Amino acid sequence: MTLKNTWFETDSRFIPGHYQPATLIDLALSRDIDSHRLLRGTGLFHDDILAGETRLSPQQFLGLIGNSRRLLDTDDSSFLFGQRLLPGHYGPASHALRHAQNLHQALDTLVQQQALLSPLAAPRLVLDEKHAYIYWLDSCGAGEHWRFLLEASMTSIVAMSRSQSGQRLPWECSFSHAEPRYIEQYWVHLGEHTQFERPLDLMRLPREFLAQSWPDASATAGQVARQEAHRQIEQLGFASSFIDCVYRYLQTHVRQAPNLEQAAQAFAMSPATFKRKLQKHDTGFQQQVDLVRKHVALYLYQIKGFSNEAVADYLRFNDAANFRRSFKRWTGSTPNLIREMFNAR
């Protein structure tokens, strides 16, 4: 099956400058950062953003993030940026979040309207009997800015759910990186149940909080806003990035383990073009394969309760030793240690 070319890439100019980029610009300006220095090298002009005329590519947005990080040079900038992100002032998609009936509907909207609400980090929602889990995919090759985006994205969910529900929800946040020196920012913005050096960047919440009604929601306004936001996505011509589409393809075919040539054929490209497009997004085919296998393995361990042998069999590893070596390469830990970690939670 050949996939349609319905994705955005790192150089696709579609992000309104007066949406998320303006939120970061305003944060920097509030701390007396000069706008010319802030926008240097991005190809952007502040007057055009104020006029609502500018459309950024993810690449330009990442350049703006890089300048902001360097010029602000503070530990809290990603968290303050995240606090301002959602529901936001981004037209129908933001109205749909603001009038969501509950957290579940809000998270579904965030996933469906990712190109409008979170273009650089694609959220994924997974449920089991007791918990809801959210993790993010790097949509465009954020590189050194990925931690900034993760901190901002998790903060945006915590802040939105607190504002809309009227209470601070018991989120538990896990990060794969080591505990940073500015740990107090995580405690303040994400809560004290934050952990580091975990196998996955993940948020977890008891499932019962998903269905609790949000007091100020309007069902009619929310339904109309979701319809309008859906039409906006249709006008854009895409809902997710090239890398997100590759991830979904590999996830769907994880048990068949397609090779580079098969994947390229599915995307109607030559293997050389497919490789160049992956490199353009700061990734490679094997890197994406390993990421998908890692996520599927962790899902089977944590949510399905599979044994080591069952996970290895699901991923079509005939050799248990080979599976252990691969798993350690994906996660930095052994399958047994990961299962013990999940069972201890």
C-alpha atoms as a PDB file:
ATOM      1  CA  MET A   1       0.000   0.000   0.000  1.00  0.00           C
ATOM      2  CA  THR A   2       1.320   3.449  -0.945  1.00  0.00           C
ATOM      3  CA  LEU A   3       0.794   6.279   1.530  1.00  0.00           C
ATOM      4  CA  LYS A   4      -0.486   9.642   0.339  1.00  0.00           C
ATOM      5  CA  ASN A   5       1.809  12.650   0.658  1.00  0.00           C
ATOM      6  CA  THR A   6      -0.222  14.290   3.420  1.00  0.00           C
ATOM      7  CA  TRP A   7       2.337  15.462   5.934  1.00  0.00           C
ATOM      8  CA  PHE A   8       4.351  18.521   6.816  1.00  0.00           C
ATOM      9  CA  GLU A   9       8.127  18.667   6.890  1.00  0.00           C
ATOM     10  CA  THR A  10      10.655  20.690   8.811  1.00  0.00           C
ATOM     11  CA  ASP A  11      10.736  23.375   6.088  1.00  0.00           C
ATOM     12  CA  SER A  12       6.927  23.568   5.550  1.00  0.00           C
ATOM     13  CA  ARG A  13       5.784  27.095   6.392  1.00  0.00           C
ATOM     14  CA  PHE A  14       2.377  26.684   8.025  1.00  0.00           C
ATOM     15  CA  ILE A  15       2.704  27.693  11.713  1.00  0.00           C
ATOM     16  CA  PRO A  16       1.052  31.103  12.290  1.00  0.00           C
ATOM     17  CA  GLY A  17       3.622  33.402  13.860  1.00  0.00           C
ATOM     18  CA  HIS A  18       0.964  34.909  16.127  1.00  0.00           C
ATOM     19  CA  TYR A  19       0.179  31.503  17.659  1.00  0.00           C
ATOM     20  CA  GLN A  20       2.766  29.515  19.671  1.00  0.00           C
ATOM     21  CA  PRO A  21       5.798  31.476  18.375  1.00  0.00           C
ATOM     22  CA  ALA A  22       4.248  34.747  19.588  1.00  0.00           C
ATOM     23  CA  THR A  23       3.796  33.205  23.036  1.00  0.00           C
ATOM     24  CA  LEU A  24       7.543  32.585  23.226  1.00  0.00           C
ATOM     25  CA  ILE A  25       8.358  35.992  21.753  1.00  0.00           C
ATOM     26  CA  ASP A  26       6.150  37.737  24.331  1.00  0.00           C
ATOM     27  CA  LEU A  27       7.833  35.799  27.137  1.00  0.00           C
ATOM     28  CA  ALA A  28      11.248  36.956  25.917  1.00  0.00           C
ATOM     29  CA  LEU A  29      10.120  40.558  25.440  1.00  0.00           C
ATOM     30  CA  SER A  30       8.690  40.588  28.978  1.00  0.00           C
ATOM     31  CA  ARG A  31      12.245  39.966  30.168  1.00  0.00           C
ATOM     32  CA  ASP A  32      13.640  42.852  28.132  1.00  0.00           C
ATOM     33  CA  ILE A  33      15.141  40.751  25.338  1.00  0.00           C
ATOM     34  CA  ASP A  34      15.620  42.835  22.176  1.00  0.00           C
ATOM     35  CA  SER A  35      13.314  41.592  19.389  1.00  0.00           C
ATOM     36  CA  HIS A  36      15.988  41.970  16.688  1.00  0.00           C
ATOM     37  CA  ARG A  37      18.410  39.761  18.616  1.00  0.00           C
ATOM     38  CA  LEU A  38      15.619  37.313  19.365  1.00  0.00           C
ATOM     39  CA  LEU A  39      14.671  36.887  15.692  1.00  0.00           C
ATOM     40  CA  ARG A  40      18.212  37.030  14.264  1.00  0.00           C
ATOM     41  CA  GLY A  41      18.890  34.243  11.798  1.00  0.00           C
ATOM     42  CA  THR A  42      15.271  33.053  11.682  1.00  0.00           C
ATOM     43  CA  GLY A  43      14.155  35.076   8.648  1.00  0.00           C
ATOM     44  CA  LEU A  44      11.349  36.551  10.774  1.00  0.00           C
ATOM     45  CA  PHE A  45      10.333  40.154  11.453  1.00  0.00           C
ATOM     46  CA  HIS A  46       8.405  41.263  14.513  1.00  0.00           C
ATOM     47  CA  ASP A  47       6.161  43.676  12.587  1.00  0.00           C
ATOM     48  CA  ASP A  48       5.008  40.859  10.274  1.00  0.00           C
ATOM     49  CA  ILE A  49       4.192  38.671  13.273  1.00  0.00           C
ATOM     50  CA  LEU A  50       2.218  41.522  14.859  1.00  0.00           C
ATOM     51  CA  ALA A  51       0.307  41.933  11.597  1.00  0.00           C
ATOM     52  CA  GLY A  52      -0.657  38.254  11.645  1.00  0.00           C
ATOM     53  CA  GLU A  53       0.921  37.674   8.238  1.00  0.00           C
ATOM     54  CA  THR A  54       3.852  35.375   9.009  1.00  0.00           C
ATOM     55  CA  ARG A  55       3.871  31.597   8.658  1.00  0.00           C
ATOM     56  CA  LEU A  56       6.850  29.767  10.169  1.00  0.00           C
ATOM     57  CA  SER A  57       8.346  26.422   9.310  1.00  0.00           C
ATOM     58  CA  PRO A  58       9.191  24.071  12.205  1.00  0.00           C
ATOM     59  CA  GLN A  59      12.838  24.785  11.364  1.00  0.00           C
ATOM     60  CA  GLN A  60      12.298  28.525  11.939  1.00  0.00           C
ATOM     61  CA  PHE A  61      10.356  27.860  15.138  1.00  0.00           C
ATOM     62  CA  LEU A  62      13.244  25.742  16.436  1.00  0.00           C
ATOM     63  CA  GLY A  63      15.625  28.581  15.532  1.00  0.00           C
ATOM     64  CA  LEU A  64      13.466  30.941  17.595  1.00  0.00           C
ATOM     65  CA  ILE A  65      13.546  28.478  20.501  1.00  0.00           C
ATOM     66  CA  GLY A  66      17.341  28.302  20.250  1.00  0.00           C
ATOM     67  CA  ASN A  67      17.674  32.085  20.341  1.00  0.00           C
ATOM     68  CA  SER A  68      15.238  32.307  23.261  1.00  0.00           C
ATOM     69  CA  ARG A  69      17.110  29.697  25.275  1.00  0.00           C
ATOM     70  CA  ARG A  70      20.426  31.451  24.705  1.00  0.00           C
ATOM     71  CA  LEU A  71      19.190  34.983  25.396  1.00  0.00           C
ATOM     72  CA  LEU A  72      16.913  34.194  28.343  1.00  0.00           C
ATOM     73  CA  ASP A  73      19.459  31.803  29.889  1.00  0.00           C
ATOM     74  CA  THR A  74      17.131  30.892  32.761  1.00  0.00           C
ATOM     75  CA  ASP A  75      15.997  27.582  34.227  1.00  0.00           C
ATOM     76  CA  ASP A  76      12.289  28.381  34.097  1.00  0.00           C
ATOM     77  CA  SER A  77      11.792  29.578  30.500  1.00  0.00           C
ATOM     78  CA  SER A  78      10.515  26.244  29.122  1.00  0.00           C
ATOM     79  CA  PHE A  79       8.058  25.867  32.006  1.00  0.00           C
ATOM     80  CA  LEU A  80       6.767  29.454  31.717  1.00  0.00           C
ATOM     81  CA  PHE A  81       6.375  28.954  27.972  1.00  0.00           C
ATOM     82  CA  GLY A  82       4.440  25.734  28.628  1.00  0.00           C
ATOM     83  CA  GLN A  83       2.124  27.430  31.114  1.00  0.00           C
ATOM     84  CA  ARG A  84       1.048  29.854  28.387  1.00  0.00           C
ATOM     85  CA  LEU A  85       0.548  27.306  25.584  1.00  0.00           C
ATOM     86  CA  LEU A  86      -2.856  25.718  26.236  1.00  0.00           C
ATOM     87  CA  PRO A  87      -5.676  26.280  25.588  1.00  0.00           C
ATOM     88  CA  GLY A  88      -3.997  29.263  23.871  1.00  0.00           C
ATOM     89  CA  HIS A  89      -5.490  31.770  21.449  1.00  0.00           C
ATOM     90  CA  TYR A  90      -5.222  29.708  18.281  1.00  0.00           C
ATOM     91  CA  GLY A  91      -8.712  30.012  16.824  1.00  0.00           C
ATOM     92  CA  PRO A  92     -11.156  27.065  16.681  1.00  0.00           C
ATOM     93  CA  ALA A  93      -8.672  24.487  18.017  1.00  0.00           C
ATOM     94  CA  SER A  94      -8.160  26.529  21.191  1.00  0.00           C
ATOM     95  CA  HIS A  95     -11.911  27.081  21.533  1.00  0.00           C
ATOM     96  CA  ALA A  96     -12.363  23.316  21.293  1.00  0.00           C
ATOM     97  CA  LEU A  97      -9.916  22.838  24.185  1.00  0.00           C
ATOM     98  CA  ARG A  98     -11.506  25.604  26.234  1.00  0.00           C
ATOM     99  CA  HIS A  99     -14.955  24.055  25.886  1.00  0.00           C
ATOM    100  CA  ALA A 100     -13.954  20.406  26.246  1.00  0.00           C
ATOM    101  CA  GLN A 101     -16.371  18.545  28.509  1.00  0.00           C
ATOM    102  CA  ASN A 102     -13.565  16.773  30.348  1.00  0.00           C
ATOM    103  CA  LEU A 103      -9.867  15.966  30.179  1.00  0.00           C
ATOM    104  CA  HIS A 104     -10.392  12.983  27.884  1.00  0.00           C
ATOM    105  CA  GLN A 105     -12.085  15.142  25.264  1.00  0.00           C
ATOM    106  CA  ALA A 106      -9.386  17.790  25.614  1.00  0.00           C
ATOM    107  CA  LEU A 107      -6.591  15.251  25.105  1.00  0.00           C
ATOM    108  CA  ASP A 108      -8.361  13.739  22.090  1.00  0.00           C
ATOM    109  CA  THR A 109      -8.623  17.243  20.623  1.00  0.00           C
ATOM    110  CA  LEU A 110      -4.937  17.894  21.277  1.00  0.00           C
ATOM    111  CA  VAL A 111      -3.982  14.668  19.467  1.00  0.00           C
ATOM    112  CA  GLN A 112      -6.318  15.292  16.513  1.00  0.00           C
ATOM    113  CA  GLN A 113      -5.356  18.976  16.150  1.00  0.00           C
ATOM    114  CA  GLN A 114      -1.642  18.456  16.773  1.00  0.00           C
ATOM    115  CA  ALA A 115      -0.586  20.389  13.661  1.00  0.00           C
ATOM    116  CA  LEU A 116      -2.408  23.445  15.031  1.00  0.00           C
ATOM    117  CA  LEU A 117      -1.831  23.050  18.782  1.00  0.00           C
ATOM    118  CA  SER A 118       1.533  21.266  19.123  1.00  0.00           C
ATOM    119  CA  PRO A 119       3.335  21.238  15.757  1.00  0.00           C
ATOM    120  CA  LEU A 120       6.808  20.354  17.072  1.00  0.00           C
ATOM    121  CA  ALA A 121       5.863  17.607  19.555  1.00  0.00           C
ATOM    122  CA  ALA A 122       3.199  15.025  18.701  1.00  0.00           C
ATOM    123  CA  PRO A 123       1.241  13.807  21.766  1.00  0.00           C
ATOM    124  CA  ARG A 124       0.132  10.188  22.070  1.00  0.00           C
ATOM    125  CA  LEU A 125      -2.541   9.010  24.527  1.00  0.00           C
ATOM    126  CA  VAL A 126      -2.610   5.406  25.799  1.00  0.00           C
ATOM    127  CA  LEU A 127      -5.062   3.959  28.326  1.00  0.00           C
ATOM    128  CA  ASP A 128      -5.135   0.890  30.527  1.00  0.00           C
ATOM    129  CA  GLU A 129      -7.675  -0.115  33.167  1.00  0.00           C
ATOM    130  CA  LYS A 130      -6.255   2.190  35.840  1.00  0.00           C
ATOM    131  CA  HIS A 131      -4.269   4.966  34.166  1.00  0.00           C
ATOM    132  CA  ALA A 132      -3.976   7.359  31.251  1.00  0.00           C
ATOM    133  CA  TYR A 133      -0.499   7.823  29.769  1.00  0.00           C
ATOM    134  CA  ILE A 134       0.773  10.599  27.506  1.00  0.00           C
ATOM    135  CA  TYR A 135       4.052  10.542  25.639  1.00  0.00           C
ATOM    136  CA  TRP A 136       5.446  12.728  22.838  1.00  0.00           C
ATOM    137  CA  LEU A 137       7.189  12.138  19.537  1.00  0.00           C
ATOM    138  CA  ASP A 138       9.744  14.546  18.105  1.00  0.00           C
ATOM    139  CA  SER A 139       7.908  15.655  14.955  1.00  0.00           C
ATOM    140  CA  CYS A 140      10.647  17.507  13.101  1.00  0.00           C
ATOM    141  CA  GLY A 141      14.079  16.765  14.561  1.00  0.00           C
ATOM    142  CA  ALA A 142      14.336  19.151  17.517  1.00  0.00           C
ATOM    143  CA  GLY A 143      17.805  17.915  18.471  1.00  0.00           C
ATOM    144  CA  GLU A 144      19.253  19.868  21.402  1.00  0.00           C
ATOM    145  CA  HIS A 145      15.918  21.644  21.920  1.00  0.00           C
ATOM    146  CA  TRP A 146      13.943  18.458  22.604  1.00  0.00           C
ATOM    147  CA  ARG A 147      14.231  18.692  26.396  1.00  0.00           C
ATOM    148  CA  PHE A 148      12.934  22.288  26.270  1.00  0.00           C
ATOM    149  CA  LEU A 149       9.946  21.080  24.221  1.00  0.00           C
ATOM    150  CA  LEU A 150       9.285  18.164  26.577  1.00  0.00           C
ATOM    151  CA  GLU A 151       9.347  20.412  29.644  1.00  0.00           C
ATOM    152  CA  ALA A 152       7.032  22.899  27.941  1.00  0.00           C
ATOM    153  CA  SER A 153       4.663  20.211  26.609  1.00  0.00           C
ATOM    154  CA  MET A 154       4.242  18.437  29.945  1.00  0.00           C
ATOM    155  CA  THR A 155       3.783  21.767  31.721  1.00  0.00           C
ATOM    156  CA  SER A 156       1.117  22.786  29.201  1.00  0.00           C
ATOM    157  CA  ILE A 157      -0.960  19.679  30.009  1.00  0.00           C
ATOM    158  CA  VAL A 158      -0.589  20.114  33.776  1.00  0.00           C
ATOM    159  CA  ALA A 159      -1.468  23.826  33.598  1.00  0.00           C
ATOM    160  CA  MET A 160      -4.441  23.352  31.247  1.00  0.00           C
ATOM    161  CA  SER A 161      -5.937  20.496  33.258  1.00  0.00           C
ATOM    162  CA  ARG A 162      -5.590  22.492  36.466  1.00  0.00           C
ATOM    163  CA  SER A 163      -7.163  25.611  34.971  1.00  0.00           C
ATOM    164  CA  GLN A 164     -10.050  23.806  33.257  1.00  0.00           C
ATOM    165  CA  SER A 165     -10.865  21.383  36.075  1.00  0.00           C
ATOM    166  CA  GLY A 166     -10.390  23.852  38.936  1.00  0.00           C
ATOM    167  CA  GLN A 167      -8.036  21.490  40.791  1.00  0.00           C
ATOM    168  CA  ARG A 168      -4.450  20.300  40.607  1.00  0.00           C
ATOM    169  CA  LEU A 169      -4.542  16.777  39.239  1.00  0.00           C
ATOM    170  CA  PRO A 170      -2.136  14.094  40.550  1.00  0.00           C
ATOM    171  CA  TRP A 171       0.051  13.850  37.446  1.00  0.00           C
ATOM    172  CA  GLU A 172       3.202  11.758  37.637  1.00  0.00           C
ATOM    173  CA  CYS A 173       5.891  12.804  35.164  1.00  0.00           C
ATOM    174  CA  SER A 174       8.869  10.687  34.109  1.00  0.00           C
ATOM    175  CA  PHE A 175      11.874  11.756  32.056  1.00  0.00           C
ATOM    176  CA  SER A 176      14.593   9.710  30.408  1.00  0.00           C
ATOM    177  CA  HIS A 177      17.309  12.271  31.147  1.00  0.00           C
ATOM    178  CA  ALA A 178      19.212  12.546  34.422  1.00  0.00           C
ATOM    179  CA  GLU A 179      17.980  14.758  37.245  1.00  0.00           C
ATOM    180  CA  PRO A 180      18.908  18.346  36.304  1.00  0.00           C
ATOM    181  CA  ARG A 181      20.367  20.919  38.664  1.00  0.00           C
ATOM    182  CA  TYR A 182      17.132  22.965  38.412  1.00  0.00           C
ATOM    183  CA  ILE A 183      14.992  20.196  39.920  1.00  0.00           C
ATOM    184  CA  GLU A 184      12.897  22.749  41.838  1.00  0.00           C
ATOM    185  CA  GLN A 185      11.369  23.965  38.549  1.00  0.00           C
ATOM    186  CA  TYR A 186      10.018  20.453  37.912  1.00  0.00           C
ATOM    187  CA  TRP A 187       8.553  20.309  41.419  1.00  0.00           C
ATOM    188  CA  VAL A 188       6.878  23.707  41.066  1.00  0.00           C
ATOM    189  CA  HIS A 189       5.435  23.213  37.572  1.00  0.00           C
ATOM    190  CA  LEU A 190       4.960  19.437  37.292  1.00  0.00           C
ATOM    191  CA  GLY A 191       4.682  18.260  40.885  1.00  0.00           C
ATOM    192  CA  GLU A 192       6.896  16.404  43.322  1.00  0.00           C
ATOM    193  CA  HIS A 193       6.134  12.979  41.796  1.00  0.00           C
ATOM    194  CA  THR A 194       8.595  13.661  38.985  1.00  0.00           C
ATOM    195  CA  GLN A 195      11.184  10.994  38.220  1.00  0.00           C
ATOM    196  CA  PHE A 196      14.320  10.898  36.075  1.00  0.00           C
ATOM    197  CA  GLU A 197      16.401   8.306  34.235  1.00  0.00           C
ATOM    198  CA  ARG A 198      13.261   6.382  33.354  1.00  0.00           C
ATOM    199  CA  PRO A 199      12.836   4.354  30.150  1.00  0.00           C
ATOM    200  CA  LEU A 200      10.390   6.827  28.599  1.00  0.00           C
ATOM    201  CA  ASP A 201       9.375  10.500  28.752  1.00  0.00           C
ATOM    202  CA  LEU A 202       5.863   9.984  30.074  1.00  0.00           C
ATOM    203  CA  MET A 203       2.956  11.478  32.015  1.00  0.00           C
ATOM    204  CA  ARG A 204       0.610   9.272  34.019  1.00  0.00           C
ATOM    205  CA  LEU A 205      -2.727  10.019  35.696  1.00  0.00           C
ATOM    206  CA  PRO A 206      -5.378   7.831  37.379  1.00  0.00           C
ATOM    207  CA  ARG A 207      -7.983   7.164  34.733  1.00  0.00           C
ATOM    208  CA  GLU A 208     -10.955   8.393  36.769  1.00  0.00           C
ATOM    209  CA  PHE A 209      -9.809  12.014  36.266  1.00  0.00           C
ATOM    210  CA  LEU A 210     -10.359  11.725  32.503  1.00  0.00           C
ATOM    211  CA  ALA A 211     -14.137  11.685  32.772  1.00  0.00           C
ATOM    212  CA  GLN A 212     -14.655  14.304  35.503  1.00  0.00           C
ATOM    213  CA  SER A 213     -16.789  17.147  34.120  1.00  0.00           C
ATOM    214  CA  TRP A 214     -15.145  20.523  33.606  1.00  0.00           C
ATOM    215  CA  PRO A 215     -17.354  23.259  35.080  1.00  0.00           C
ATOM    216  CA  ASP A 216     -17.165  26.026  32.460  1.00  0.00           C
ATOM    217  CA  ALA A 217     -17.489  23.942  29.290  1.00  0.00           C
ATOM    218  CA  SER A 218     -20.150  24.614  26.653  1.00  0.00           C
ATOM    219  CA  ALA A 219     -21.117  21.457  24.760  1.00  0.00           C
ATOM    220  CA  THR A 220     -22.505  23.407  21.791  1.00  0.00           C
ATOM    221  CA  ALA A 221     -19.558  25.801  21.510  1.00  0.00           C
ATOM    222  CA  GLY A 222     -17.150  22.882  21.852  1.00  0.00           C
ATOM    223  CA  GLN A 223     -18.809  20.824  19.114  1.00  0.00           C
ATOM    224  CA  VAL A 224     -18.845  23.753  16.674  1.00  0.00           C
ATOM    225  CA  ALA A 225     -15.211  24.572  17.466  1.00  0.00           C
ATOM    226  CA  ARG A 226     -14.121  20.960  16.850  1.00  0.00           C
ATOM    227  CA  GLN A 227     -15.882  20.982  13.485  1.00  0.00           C
ATOM    228  CA  GLU A 228     -14.217  24.274  12.519  1.00  0.00           C
ATOM    229  CA  ALA A 229     -10.801  23.029  13.645  1.00  0.00           C
ATOM    230  CA  HIS A 230     -11.272  19.851  11.599  1.00  0.00           C
ATOM    231  CA  ARG A 231     -12.025  21.961   8.518  1.00  0.00           C
ATOM    232  CA  GLN A 232      -8.870  23.967   9.221  1.00  0.00           C
ATOM    233  CA  ILE A 233      -6.808  20.761   9.230  1.00  0.00           C
ATOM    234  CA  GLU A 234      -8.428  19.722   5.943  1.00  0.00           C
ATOM    235  CA  GLN A 235      -7.498  23.089   4.413  1.00  0.00           C
ATOM    236  CA  LEU A 236      -3.898  22.632   5.552  1.00  0.00           C
ATOM    237  CA  GLY A 237      -3.826  19.280   3.779  1.00  0.00           C
ATOM    238  CA  PHE A 238      -2.073  17.439   6.616  1.00  0.00           C
ATOM    239  CA  ALA A 239      -2.514  16.568  10.274  1.00  0.00           C
ATOM    240  CA  SER A 240       0.971  15.375  11.218  1.00  0.00           C
ATOM    241  CA  SER A 241       4.626  15.444  10.193  1.00  0.00           C
ATOM    242  CA  PHE A 242       6.587  13.164   7.881  1.00  0.00           C
ATOM    243  CA  ILE A 243       8.358  11.637  10.903  1.00  0.00           C
ATOM    244  CA  ASP A 244       5.016  11.012  12.637  1.00  0.00           C
ATOM    245  CA  CYS A 245       3.790   9.213   9.502  1.00  0.00           C
ATOM    246  CA  VAL A 246       6.942   7.068   9.391  1.00  0.00           C
ATOM    247  CA  TYR A 247       6.469   6.230  13.075  1.00  0.00           C
ATOM    248  CA  ARG A 248       2.831   5.188  12.521  1.00  0.00           C
ATOM    249  CA  TYR A 249       3.777   3.075   9.507  1.00  0.00           C
ATOM    250  CA  LEU A 250       6.506   1.256  11.451  1.00  0.00           C
ATOM    251  CA  GLN A 251       4.238   0.848  14.482  1.00  0.00           C
ATOM    252  CA  THR A 252       1.492  -0.679  12.321  1.00  0.00           C
ATOM    253  CA  HIS A 253       3.987  -3.093  10.751  1.00  0.00           C
ATOM    254  CA  VAL A 254       6.200  -3.666  13.780  1.00  0.00           C
ATOM    255  CA  ARG A 255       5.738  -7.445  13.668  1.00  0.00           C
ATOM    256  CA  GLN A 256       6.650  -7.621   9.964  1.00  0.00           C
ATOM    257  CA  ALA A 257       9.784  -5.485  10.525  1.00  0.00           C
ATOM    258  CA  PRO A 258       9.833  -3.774   7.095  1.00  0.00           C
ATOM    259  CA  ASN A 259      13.236  -2.862   5.724  1.00  0.00           C
ATOM    260  CA  LEU A 260      14.259   0.501   4.278  1.00  0.00           C
ATOM    261  CA  GLU A 261      13.315  -0.459   0.720  1.00  0.00           C
ATOM    262  CA  GLN A 262       9.834  -1.620   1.746  1.00  0.00           C
ATOM    263  CA  ALA A 263       9.228   1.516   3.817  1.00  0.00           C
ATOM    264  CA  ALA A 264      10.406   3.756   0.976  1.00  0.00           C
ATOM    265  CA  GLN A 265       8.064   1.957  -1.417  1.00  0.00           C
ATOM    266  CA  ALA A 266       5.144   2.530   0.982  1.00  0.00           C
ATOM    267  CA  PHE A 267       5.920   6.260   0.883  1.00  0.00           C
ATOM    268  CA  ALA A 268       6.251   6.207  -2.924  1.00  0.00           C
ATOM    269  CA  MET A 269       9.922   7.204  -2.800  1.00  0.00           C
ATOM    270  CA  SER A 270      13.215   5.722  -3.808  1.00  0.00           C
ATOM    271  CA  PRO A 271      15.287   4.405  -0.880  1.00  0.00           C
ATOM    272  CA  ALA A 272      17.798   7.228  -1.458  1.00  0.00           C
ATOM    273  CA  THR A 273      15.077   9.922  -1.314  1.00  0.00           C
ATOM    274  CA  PHE A 274      13.542   8.318   1.776  1.00  0.00           C
ATOM    275  CA  LYS A 275      16.940   8.295   3.529  1.00  0.00           C
ATOM    276  CA  ARG A 276      17.577  11.950   2.592  1.00  0.00           C
ATOM    277  CA  LYS A 277      14.170  12.980   3.937  1.00  0.00           C
ATOM    278  CA  LEU A 278      14.857  11.195   7.234  1.00  0.00           C
ATOM    279  CA  GLN A 279      18.290  12.855   7.474  1.00  0.00           C
ATOM    280  CA  LYS A 280      16.659  16.214   6.803  1.00  0.00           C
ATOM    281  CA  HIS A 281      14.670  15.617   9.996  1.00  0.00           C
ATOM    282  CA  ASP A 282      17.757  14.685  12.015  1.00  0.00           C
ATOM    283  CA  THR A 283      16.942  10.979  12.182  1.00  0.00           C
ATOM    284  CA  GLY A 284      17.508   7.715  10.322  1.00  0.00           C
ATOM    285  CA  PHE A 285      15.570   4.591   9.450  1.00  0.00           C
ATOM    286  CA  GLN A 286      17.159   2.325  12.070  1.00  0.00           C
ATOM    287  CA  GLN A 287      16.695   5.024  14.698  1.00  0.00           C
ATOM    288  CA  GLN A 288      12.964   5.127  13.961  1.00  0.00           C
ATOM    289  CA  VAL A 289      12.700   1.325  13.928  1.00  0.00           C
ATOM    290  CA  ASP A 290      14.421   1.128  17.326  1.00  0.00           C
ATOM    291  CA  LEU A 291      12.183   3.871  18.733  1.00  0.00           C
ATOM    292  CA  VAL A 292       9.004   2.082  17.654  1.00  0.00           C
ATOM    293  CA  ARG A 293      10.213  -1.283  18.976  1.00  0.00           C
ATOM    294  CA  LYS A 294      11.177   0.329  22.273  1.00  0.00           C
ATOM    295  CA  HIS A 295       7.738   1.946  22.662  1.00  0.00           C
ATOM    296  CA  VAL A 296       5.900  -1.258  21.729  1.00  0.00           C
ATOM    297  CA  ALA A 297       8.021  -3.322  24.138  1.00  0.00           C
ATOM    298  CA  LEU A 298       7.420  -0.884  27.009  1.00  0.00           C
ATOM    299  CA  TYR A 299       3.687  -0.853  26.218  1.00  0.00           C
ATOM    300  CA  LEU A 300       3.561  -4.653  26.329  1.00  0.00           C
ATOM    301  CA  TYR A 301       5.460  -4.752  29.633  1.00  0.00           C
ATOM    302  CA  GLN A 302       3.656  -1.962  31.467  1.00  0.00           C
ATOM    303  CA  ILE A 303       0.128  -2.075  30.113  1.00  0.00           C
ATOM    304  CA  LYS A 304      -0.318  -5.642  28.877  1.00  0.00           C
ATOM    305  CA  GLY A 305       1.853  -7.279  31.558  1.00  0.00           C
ATOM    306  CA  PHE A 306       3.718  -9.470  29.056  1.00  0.00           C
ATOM    307  CA  SER A 307       6.645 -11.621  30.108  1.00  0.00           C
ATOM    308  CA  ASN A 308      10.111 -11.216  28.565  1.00  0.00           C
ATOM    309  CA  GLU A 309       9.498 -14.229  26.343  1.00  0.00           C
ATOM    310  CA  ALA A 310       6.097 -12.933  25.190  1.00  0.00           C
ATOM    311  CA  VAL A 311       7.520  -9.509  24.267  1.00  0.00           C
ATOM    312  CA  ALA A 312      10.429 -11.085  22.397  1.00  0.00           C
ATOM    313  CA  ASP A 313       8.011 -13.378  20.552  1.00  0.00           C
ATOM    314  CA  TYR A 314       5.655 -10.480  19.685  1.00  0.00           C
ATOM    315  CA  LEU A 315       8.551  -8.531  18.165  1.00  0.00           C
ATOM    316  CA  ARG A 316       9.657 -11.678  16.283  1.00  0.00           C
ATOM    317  CA  PHE A 317      12.983 -12.171  18.056  1.00  0.00           C
ATOM    318  CA  ASN A 318      13.877 -15.855  17.816  1.00  0.00           C
ATOM    319  CA  ASP A 319      16.920 -15.482  20.057  1.00  0.00           C
ATOM    320  CA  ALA A 320      16.329 -14.334  23.675  1.00  0.00           C
ATOM    321  CA  ALA A 321      19.911 -13.111  23.992  1.00  0.00           C
ATOM    322  CA  ASN A 322      19.533 -11.004  20.855  1.00  0.00           C
ATOM    323  CA  PHE A 323      16.331  -9.474  22.258  1.00  0.00           C
ATOM    324  CA  ARG A 324      18.056  -8.586  25.548  1.00  0.00           C
ATOM    325  CA  ARG A 325      20.936  -6.922  23.687  1.00  0.00           C
ATOM    326  CA  SER A 326      18.551  -4.968  21.477  1.00  0.00           C
ATOM    327  CA  PHE A 327      16.372  -3.939  24.407  1.00  0.00           C
ATOM    328  CA  LYS A 328      19.377  -2.676  26.349  1.00  0.00           C
ATOM    329  CA  ARG A 329      20.410  -0.633  23.296  1.00  0.00           C
ATOM    330  CA  TRP A 330      16.921   0.897  23.075  1.00  0.00           C
ATOM    331  CA  THR A 331      16.455   1.676  26.773  1.00  0.00           C
ATOM    332  CA  GLY A 332      19.838   1.474  28.492  1.00  0.00           C
ATOM    333  CA  SER A 333      18.456  -1.239  30.769  1.00  0.00           C
ATOM    334  CA  THR A 334      17.646  -4.950  30.731  1.00  0.00           C
ATOM    335  CA  PRO A 335      14.107  -6.337  30.309  1.00  0.00           C
ATOM    336  CA  ASN A 336      14.106  -7.726  33.865  1.00  0.00           C
ATOM    337  CA  LEU A 337      15.058  -4.376  35.400  1.00  0.00           C
ATOM    338  CA  ILE A 338      12.339  -2.621  33.401  1.00  0.00           C
ATOM    339  CA  ARG A 339       9.702  -5.099  34.523  1.00  0.00           C
ATOM    340  CA  GLU A 340      10.805  -4.725  38.154  1.00  0.00           C
ATOM    341  CA  MET A 341      10.601  -0.939  37.776  1.00  0.00           C
ATOM    342  CA  PHE A 342       7.039  -1.117  36.439  1.00  0.00           C
ATOM    343  CA  ASN A 343       5.941  -3.611  39.105  1.00  0.00           C
ATOM    344  CA  ALA A 344       7.293  -1.311  41.838  1.00  0.00           C
ATOM    345  CA  ARG A 345       5.131   1.618  40.771  1.00  0.00           C
END
